[in-house]
Amino acid sequence: MASIARKQSLSRFSSELLDELSYCCQLAANPRLRLAELADELLYERQSQLPEQVKDPEILALLPY
């Protein structure tokens, strides 16, 4: 069984690969737009399943908006 740190590392690596796949598919000489769209959808679904991060009120106070 993989450790929590290992699972987080693999998850982050997988997300980075999906993002890179989408980018490369869009910029290819013969664009694969459907593949890029599917990679974007998978990345969006993965990110929506992550728990919302706690926001530091001190940092939020520094933001201009």
PDB file of N, CA and C in Angstrom:
ATOM      1  N   MET A   1       0.840  -1.179   0.000  1.00  0.00           N
ATOM      2  CA  MET A   1       0.000   0.000   0.000  1.00  0.00           C
ATOM      3  C   MET A   1       0.888   1.245   0.000  1.00  0.00           C
ATOM      4  N   ALA A   2       0.584   2.164  -0.872  1.00  0.00           N
ATOM      5  CA  ALA A   2       1.402   3.371  -1.010  1.00  0.00           C
ATOM      6  C   ALA A   2       1.124   4.338   0.138  1.00  0.00           C
ATOM      7  N   SER A   3       2.155   5.079   0.502  1.00  0.00           N
ATOM      8  CA  SER A   3       1.989   6.065   1.566  1.00  0.00           C
ATOM      9  C   SER A   3       1.180   7.247   1.043  1.00  0.00           C
ATOM     10  N   ILE A   4       0.691   8.046   1.964  1.00  0.00           N
ATOM     11  CA  ILE A   4      -0.109   9.221   1.593  1.00  0.00           C
ATOM     12  C   ILE A   4       0.725  10.180   0.748  1.00  0.00           C
ATOM     13  N   ALA A   5       1.975  10.386   1.134  1.00  0.00           N
ATOM     14  CA  ALA A   5       2.852  11.284   0.375  1.00  0.00           C
ATOM     15  C   ALA A   5       3.058  10.770  -1.046  1.00  0.00           C
ATOM     16  N   ARG A   6       3.213   9.465  -1.185  1.00  0.00           N
ATOM     17  CA  ARG A   6       3.409   8.868  -2.511  1.00  0.00           C
ATOM     18  C   ARG A   6       2.154   9.043  -3.362  1.00  0.00           C
ATOM     19  N   LYS A   7       0.986   8.827  -2.767  1.00  0.00           N
ATOM     20  CA  LYS A   7      -0.276   9.006  -3.497  1.00  0.00           C
ATOM     21  C   LYS A   7      -0.447  10.446  -3.945  1.00  0.00           C
ATOM     22  N   GLN A   8      -0.115  11.396  -3.074  1.00  0.00           N
ATOM     23  CA  GLN A   8      -0.223  12.805  -3.438  1.00  0.00           C
ATOM     24  C   GLN A   8       0.745  13.149  -4.563  1.00  0.00           C
ATOM     25  N   SER A   9       1.945  12.598  -4.497  1.00  0.00           N
ATOM     26  CA  SER A   9       2.941  12.839  -5.539  1.00  0.00           C
ATOM     27  C   SER A   9       2.468  12.299  -6.883  1.00  0.00           C
ATOM     28  N   LEU A  10       1.945  11.079  -6.883  1.00  0.00           N
ATOM     29  CA  LEU A  10       1.447  10.484  -8.126  1.00  0.00           C
ATOM     30  C   LEU A  10       0.247  11.252  -8.667  1.00  0.00           C
ATOM     31  N   SER A  11      -0.620  11.699  -7.793  1.00  0.00           N
ATOM     32  CA  SER A  11      -1.791  12.463  -8.212  1.00  0.00           C
ATOM     33  C   SER A  11      -1.367  13.785  -8.854  1.00  0.00           C
ATOM     34  N   ARG A  12      -0.407  14.468  -8.222  1.00  0.00           N
ATOM     35  CA  ARG A  12       0.081  15.748  -8.759  1.00  0.00           C
ATOM     36  C   ARG A  12       0.758  15.519 -10.117  1.00  0.00           C
ATOM     37  N   PHE A  13       1.563  14.467 -10.220  1.00  0.00           N
ATOM     38  CA  PHE A  13       2.241  14.141 -11.476  1.00  0.00           C
ATOM     39  C   PHE A  13       1.219  13.828 -12.567  1.00  0.00           C
ATOM     40  N   SER A  14       0.190  13.072 -12.217  1.00  0.00           N
ATOM     41  CA  SER A  14      -0.852  12.718 -13.173  1.00  0.00           C
ATOM     42  C   SER A  14      -1.588  13.963 -13.670  1.00  0.00           C
ATOM     43  N   SER A  15      -1.879  14.881 -12.754  1.00  0.00           N
ATOM     44  CA  SER A  15      -2.560  16.125 -13.137  1.00  0.00           C
ATOM     45  C   SER A  15      -1.677  16.961 -14.058  1.00  0.00           C
ATOM     46  N   GLU A  16      -0.390  17.011 -13.753  1.00  0.00           N
ATOM     47  CA  GLU A  16       0.542  17.758 -14.608  1.00  0.00           C
ATOM     48  C   GLU A  16       0.603  17.147 -16.003  1.00  0.00           C
ATOM     49  N   LEU A  17       0.583  15.814 -16.071  1.00  0.00           N
ATOM     50  CA  LEU A  17       0.608  15.149 -17.375  1.00  0.00           C
ATOM     51  C   LEU A  17      -0.668  15.439 -18.173  1.00  0.00           C
ATOM     52  N   LEU A  18      -1.814  15.444 -17.521  1.00  0.00           N
ATOM     53  CA  LEU A  18      -3.063  15.768 -18.211  1.00  0.00           C
ATOM     54  C   LEU A  18      -3.020  17.194 -18.755  1.00  0.00           C
ATOM     55  N   ASP A  19      -2.504  18.114 -17.954  1.00  0.00           N
ATOM     56  CA  ASP A  19      -2.396  19.506 -18.386  1.00  0.00           C
ATOM     57  C   ASP A  19      -1.448  19.629 -19.579  1.00  0.00           C
ATOM     58  N   GLU A  20      -0.314  18.943 -19.518  1.00  0.00           N
ATOM     59  CA  GLU A  20       0.656  18.987 -20.616  1.00  0.00           C
ATOM     60  C   GLU A  20       0.100  18.323 -21.878  1.00  0.00           C
ATOM     61  N   LEU A  21      -0.630  17.224 -21.705  1.00  0.00           N
ATOM     62  CA  LEU A  21      -1.253  16.548 -22.842  1.00  0.00           C
ATOM     63  C   LEU A  21      -2.234  17.477 -23.545  1.00  0.00           C
ATOM     64  N   SER A  22      -3.056  18.157 -22.776  1.00  0.00           N
ATOM     65  CA  SER A  22      -4.017  19.090 -23.356  1.00  0.00           C
ATOM     66  C   SER A  22      -3.299  20.192 -24.133  1.00  0.00           C
ATOM     67  N   TYR A  23      -2.262  20.753 -23.528  1.00  0.00           N
ATOM     68  CA  TYR A  23      -1.506  21.836 -24.154  1.00  0.00           C
ATOM     69  C   TYR A  23      -0.862  21.373 -25.464  1.00  0.00           C
ATOM     70  N   CYS A  24      -0.215  20.220 -25.439  1.00  0.00           N
ATOM     71  CA  CYS A  24       0.466  19.708 -26.633  1.00  0.00           C
ATOM     72  C   CYS A  24      -0.531  19.360 -27.742  1.00  0.00           C
ATOM     73  N   CYS A  25      -1.677  18.813 -27.369  1.00  0.00           N
ATOM     74  CA  CYS A  25      -2.683  18.457 -28.371  1.00  0.00           C
ATOM     75  C   CYS A  25      -3.243  19.697 -29.071  1.00  0.00           C
ATOM     76  N   GLN A  26      -3.352  20.780 -28.342  1.00  0.00           N
ATOM     77  CA  GLN A  26      -3.877  22.007 -28.939  1.00  0.00           C
ATOM     78  C   GLN A  26      -2.866  22.671 -29.861  1.00  0.00           C
ATOM     79  N   LEU A  27      -1.575  22.549 -29.558  1.00  0.00           N
ATOM     80  CA  LEU A  27      -0.544  23.243 -30.320  1.00  0.00           C
ATOM     81  C   LEU A  27       0.138  22.377 -31.377  1.00  0.00           C
ATOM     82  N   ALA A  28      -0.282  21.152 -31.509  1.00  0.00           N
ATOM     83  CA  ALA A  28       0.349  20.248 -32.466  1.00  0.00           C
ATOM     84  C   ALA A  28       0.136  20.733 -33.902  1.00  0.00           C
ATOM     85  N   ALA A  29       1.014  20.297 -34.798  1.00  0.00           N
ATOM     86  CA  ALA A  29       0.875  20.659 -36.210  1.00  0.00           C
ATOM     87  C   ALA A  29      -0.466  20.183 -36.752  1.00  0.00           C
ATOM     88  N   ASN A  30      -0.913  19.043 -36.282  1.00  0.00           N
ATOM     89  CA  ASN A  30      -2.231  18.511 -36.631  1.00  0.00           C
ATOM     90  C   ASN A  30      -3.000  18.390 -35.311  1.00  0.00           C
ATOM     91  N   PRO A  31      -3.672  19.473 -34.877  1.00  0.00           N
ATOM     92  CA  PRO A  31      -4.274  19.512 -33.546  1.00  0.00           C
ATOM     93  C   PRO A  31      -5.261  18.373 -33.286  1.00  0.00           C
ATOM     94  N   ARG A  32      -5.189  17.849 -32.119  1.00  0.00           N
ATOM     95  CA  ARG A  32      -6.117  16.811 -31.645  1.00  0.00           C
ATOM     96  C   ARG A  32      -7.018  17.468 -30.599  1.00  0.00           C
ATOM     97  N   LEU A  33      -7.965  18.249 -31.072  1.00  0.00           N
ATOM     98  CA  LEU A  33      -8.787  19.056 -30.183  1.00  0.00           C
ATOM     99  C   LEU A  33      -9.674  18.216 -29.274  1.00  0.00           C
ATOM    100  N   ARG A  34     -10.191  17.100 -29.778  1.00  0.00           N
ATOM    101  CA  ARG A  34     -11.047  16.258 -28.943  1.00  0.00           C
ATOM    102  C   ARG A  34     -10.241  15.631 -27.807  1.00  0.00           C
ATOM    103  N   LEU A  35      -9.021  15.190 -28.085  1.00  0.00           N
ATOM    104  CA  LEU A  35      -8.170  14.625 -27.042  1.00  0.00           C
ATOM    105  C   LEU A  35      -7.824  15.699 -26.002  1.00  0.00           C
ATOM    106  N   ALA A  36      -7.541  16.907 -26.464  1.00  0.00           N
ATOM    107  CA  ALA A  36      -7.260  18.008 -25.546  1.00  0.00           C
ATOM    108  C   ALA A  36      -8.479  18.305 -24.670  1.00  0.00           C
ATOM    109  N   GLU A  37      -9.653  18.275 -25.266  1.00  0.00           N
ATOM    110  CA  GLU A  37     -10.889  18.515 -24.526  1.00  0.00           C
ATOM    111  C   GLU A  37     -11.113  17.436 -23.463  1.00  0.00           C
ATOM    112  N   LEU A  38     -10.868  16.185 -23.814  1.00  0.00           N
ATOM    113  CA  LEU A  38     -11.024  15.090 -22.854  1.00  0.00           C
ATOM    114  C   LEU A  38     -10.026  15.210 -21.702  1.00  0.00           C
ATOM    115  N   ALA A  39      -8.802  15.581 -22.005  1.00  0.00           N
ATOM    116  CA  ALA A  39      -7.793  15.772 -20.951  1.00  0.00           C
ATOM    117  C   ALA A  39      -8.215  16.905 -20.023  1.00  0.00           C
ATOM    118  N   ASP A  40      -8.745  17.987 -20.589  1.00  0.00           N
ATOM    119  CA  ASP A  40      -9.229  19.101 -19.774  1.00  0.00           C
ATOM    120  C   ASP A  40     -10.382  18.671 -18.872  1.00  0.00           C
ATOM    121  N   GLU A  41     -11.289  17.858 -19.413  1.00  0.00           N
ATOM    122  CA  GLU A  41     -12.424  17.382 -18.628  1.00  0.00           C
ATOM    123  C   GLU A  41     -11.961  16.501 -17.465  1.00  0.00           C
ATOM    124  N   LEU A  42     -11.015  15.604 -17.742  1.00  0.00           N
ATOM    125  CA  LEU A  42     -10.492  14.751 -16.672  1.00  0.00           C
ATOM    126  C   LEU A  42      -9.808  15.575 -15.585  1.00  0.00           C
ATOM    127  N   LEU A  43      -9.041  16.566 -16.001  1.00  0.00           N
ATOM    128  CA  LEU A  43      -8.357  17.417 -15.042  1.00  0.00           C
ATOM    129  C   LEU A  43      -9.360  18.201 -14.212  1.00  0.00           C
ATOM    130  N   TYR A  44     -10.402  18.720 -14.852  1.00  0.00           N
ATOM    131  CA  TYR A  44     -11.436  19.472 -14.139  1.00  0.00           C
ATOM    132  C   TYR A  44     -12.150  18.579 -13.120  1.00  0.00           C
ATOM    133  N   GLU A  45     -12.503  17.367 -13.528  1.00  0.00           N
ATOM    134  CA  GLU A  45     -13.174  16.435 -12.616  1.00  0.00           C
ATOM    135  C   GLU A  45     -12.279  16.095 -11.429  1.00  0.00           C
ATOM    136  N   ARG A  46     -11.014  15.870 -11.701  1.00  0.00           N
ATOM    137  CA  ARG A  46     -10.068  15.549 -10.629  1.00  0.00           C
ATOM    138  C   ARG A  46      -9.949  16.713  -9.643  1.00  0.00           C
ATOM    139  N   GLN A  47      -9.847  17.937 -10.168  1.00  0.00           N
ATOM    140  CA  GLN A  47      -9.699  19.095  -9.300  1.00  0.00           C
ATOM    141  C   GLN A  47     -10.977  19.390  -8.516  1.00  0.00           C
ATOM    142  N   SER A  48     -12.124  19.101  -9.098  1.00  0.00           N
ATOM    143  CA  SER A  48     -13.378  19.365  -8.391  1.00  0.00           C
ATOM    144  C   SER A  48     -13.594  18.384  -7.235  1.00  0.00           C
ATOM    145  N   GLN A  49     -12.917  17.253  -7.263  1.00  0.00           N
ATOM    146  CA  GLN A  49     -13.042  16.272  -6.189  1.00  0.00           C
ATOM    147  C   GLN A  49     -12.113  16.562  -5.017  1.00  0.00           C
ATOM    148  N   LEU A  50     -11.172  17.468  -5.211  1.00  0.00           N
ATOM    149  CA  LEU A  50     -10.252  17.808  -4.132  1.00  0.00           C
ATOM    150  C   LEU A  50     -10.984  18.626  -3.077  1.00  0.00           C
ATOM    151  N   PRO A  51     -10.635  18.446  -1.810  1.00  0.00           N
ATOM    152  CA  PRO A  51     -11.263  19.273  -0.778  1.00  0.00           C
ATOM    153  C   PRO A  51     -10.826  20.727  -0.929  1.00  0.00           C
ATOM    154  N   GLU A  52     -11.729  21.621  -0.598  1.00  0.00           N
ATOM    155  CA  GLU A  52     -11.414  23.046  -0.713  1.00  0.00           C
ATOM    156  C   GLU A  52     -10.349  23.404   0.319  1.00  0.00           C
ATOM    157  N   GLN A  53      -9.361  24.152  -0.124  1.00  0.00           N
ATOM    158  CA  GLN A  53      -8.276  24.530   0.772  1.00  0.00           C
ATOM    159  C   GLN A  53      -8.714  25.692   1.654  1.00  0.00           C
ATOM    160  N   VAL A  54      -8.252  25.664   2.886  1.00  0.00           N
ATOM    161  CA  VAL A  54      -8.558  26.740   3.819  1.00  0.00           C
ATOM    162  C   VAL A  54      -7.784  27.977   3.397  1.00  0.00           C
ATOM    163  N   LYS A  55      -8.482  29.085   3.336  1.00  0.00           N
ATOM    164  CA  LYS A  55      -7.855  30.334   2.896  1.00  0.00           C
ATOM    165  C   LYS A  55      -7.447  31.155   4.114  1.00  0.00           C
ATOM    166  N   ASP A  56      -6.238  31.638   4.066  1.00  0.00           N
ATOM    167  CA  ASP A  56      -5.706  32.439   5.156  1.00  0.00           C
ATOM    168  C   ASP A  56      -6.301  33.840   5.083  1.00  0.00           C
ATOM    169  N   PRO A  57      -7.009  34.301   6.115  1.00  0.00           N
ATOM    170  CA  PRO A  57      -7.636  35.634   6.075  1.00  0.00           C
ATOM    171  C   PRO A  57      -6.637  36.768   5.917  1.00  0.00           C
ATOM    172  N   GLU A  58      -5.416  36.583   6.447  1.00  0.00           N
ATOM    173  CA  GLU A  58      -4.409  37.645   6.317  1.00  0.00           C
ATOM    174  C   GLU A  58      -3.984  37.803   4.848  1.00  0.00           C
ATOM    175  N   ILE A  59      -3.839  36.709   4.158  1.00  0.00           N
ATOM    176  CA  ILE A  59      -3.461  36.774   2.734  1.00  0.00           C
ATOM    177  C   ILE A  59      -4.622  37.328   1.924  1.00  0.00           C
ATOM    178  N   LEU A  60      -5.834  36.899   2.214  1.00  0.00           N
ATOM    179  CA  LEU A  60      -7.001  37.409   1.502  1.00  0.00           C
ATOM    180  C   LEU A  60      -7.156  38.913   1.674  1.00  0.00           C
ATOM    181  N   ALA A  61      -6.792  39.429   2.815  1.00  0.00           N
ATOM    182  CA  ALA A  61      -6.893  40.865   3.069  1.00  0.00           C
ATOM    183  C   ALA A  61      -5.911  41.656   2.194  1.00  0.00           C
ATOM    184  N   LEU A  62      -4.829  41.028   1.766  1.00  0.00           N
ATOM    185  CA  LEU A  62      -3.829  41.707   0.936  1.00  0.00           C
ATOM    186  C   LEU A  62      -4.208  41.756  -0.538  1.00  0.00           C
ATOM    187  N   LEU A  63      -5.154  40.910  -0.944  1.00  0.00           N
ATOM    188  CA  LEU A  63      -5.547  40.876  -2.350  1.00  0.00           C
ATOM    189  C   LEU A  63      -6.336  42.119  -2.727  1.00  0.00           C
ATOM    190  N   PRO A  64      -6.112  42.644  -3.929  1.00  0.00           N
ATOM    191  CA  PRO A  64      -6.774  43.885  -4.334  1.00  0.00           C
ATOM    192  C   PRO A  64      -8.260  43.721  -4.686  1.00  0.00           C
ATOM    193  N   TYR A  65      -8.782  42.541  -4.768  1.00  0.00           N
ATOM    194  CA  TYR A  65     -10.194  42.351  -5.124  1.00  0.00           C
ATOM    195  C   TYR A  65     -10.981  41.768  -3.995  1.00  0.00           C
TER     196      TYR A  65
END
